[in-house]
Amino acid sequence: MVGAYHLVCHECPFEGLYDERATAERERTAHESTTDHRTTLLDISEPEPAGVPGPS
């Protein structure tokens, strides 16, 4: 299965969607190094955890 990784910066409009974790991590490291911004990298290819209700 191909991955799906969403990278978003909390301090500027930088955002990306990647199908390889290594690429997403490289982009994250590069952005954080050059800007000193905080980012989040989420694996969105995984299903939601069991027991979490969906939209009503």
Protein backbone atom coordinates (compact mmCIF):
# COMPACT_ATOMS: atom_id res chain seq x y z
CA MET A 1 0.00 0.00 0.00
CA VAL A 2 1.26 3.46 -0.85
CA GLY A 3 1.56 5.78 2.11
CA ALA A 4 0.06 9.22 2.44
CA TYR A 5 1.83 11.75 4.62
CA HIS A 6 0.54 15.24 5.33
CA LEU A 7 3.08 17.85 6.41
CA VAL A 8 1.90 21.20 7.71
CA CYS A 9 3.68 24.17 9.26
CA HIS A 10 2.06 25.83 12.28
CA GLU A 11 3.63 29.21 11.55
CA CYS A 12 3.34 29.77 7.79
CA PRO A 13 1.36 28.48 4.77
CA PHE A 14 3.89 25.68 4.02
CA GLU A 15 2.07 22.37 3.51
CA GLY A 16 2.68 19.19 1.55
CA LEU A 17 1.24 15.78 0.75
CA TYR A 18 3.75 12.98 0.10
CA ASP A 19 3.49 9.31 -0.75
CA GLU A 20 6.86 8.40 0.81
CA ARG A 21 7.65 8.96 4.47
CA ALA A 22 11.35 9.57 3.77
CA THR A 23 10.51 12.43 1.38
CA ALA A 24 8.09 13.97 3.88
CA GLU A 25 10.68 13.76 6.65
CA ARG A 26 13.35 15.38 4.43
CA GLU A 27 10.97 18.23 3.58
CA ARG A 28 10.06 18.63 7.24
CA THR A 29 13.69 18.76 8.34
CA ALA A 30 14.60 21.22 5.59
CA HIS A 31 11.68 23.54 6.42
CA GLU A 32 12.34 23.46 10.16
CA SER A 33 16.08 24.06 9.62
CA THR A 34 15.65 27.04 7.33
CA THR A 35 12.75 28.73 9.14
CA ASP A 36 12.85 27.51 12.77
CA HIS A 37 9.09 26.84 12.44
CA ARG A 38 7.13 24.07 14.16
CA THR A 39 5.58 21.42 11.90
CA THR A 40 3.41 18.32 12.15
CA LEU A 41 3.75 15.21 10.00
CA LEU A 42 0.76 12.87 9.96
CA ASP A 43 0.41 9.44 8.40
CA ILE A 44 -3.01 9.78 6.81
CA SER A 45 -2.91 6.43 5.04
CA GLU A 46 -3.83 4.66 8.28
CA PRO A 47 -7.50 4.18 9.14
CA GLU A 48 -8.94 5.98 12.15
CA PRO A 49 -8.40 4.17 15.45
CA ALA A 50 -11.20 1.85 16.56
CA GLY A 51 -13.76 3.45 18.81
CA VAL A 52 -13.43 6.93 17.36
CA PRO A 53 -16.82 8.08 16.14
CA GLY A 54 -17.02 9.45 12.63
CA PRO A 55 -18.99 12.48 11.48
CA SER A 56 -22.68 12.42 12.34
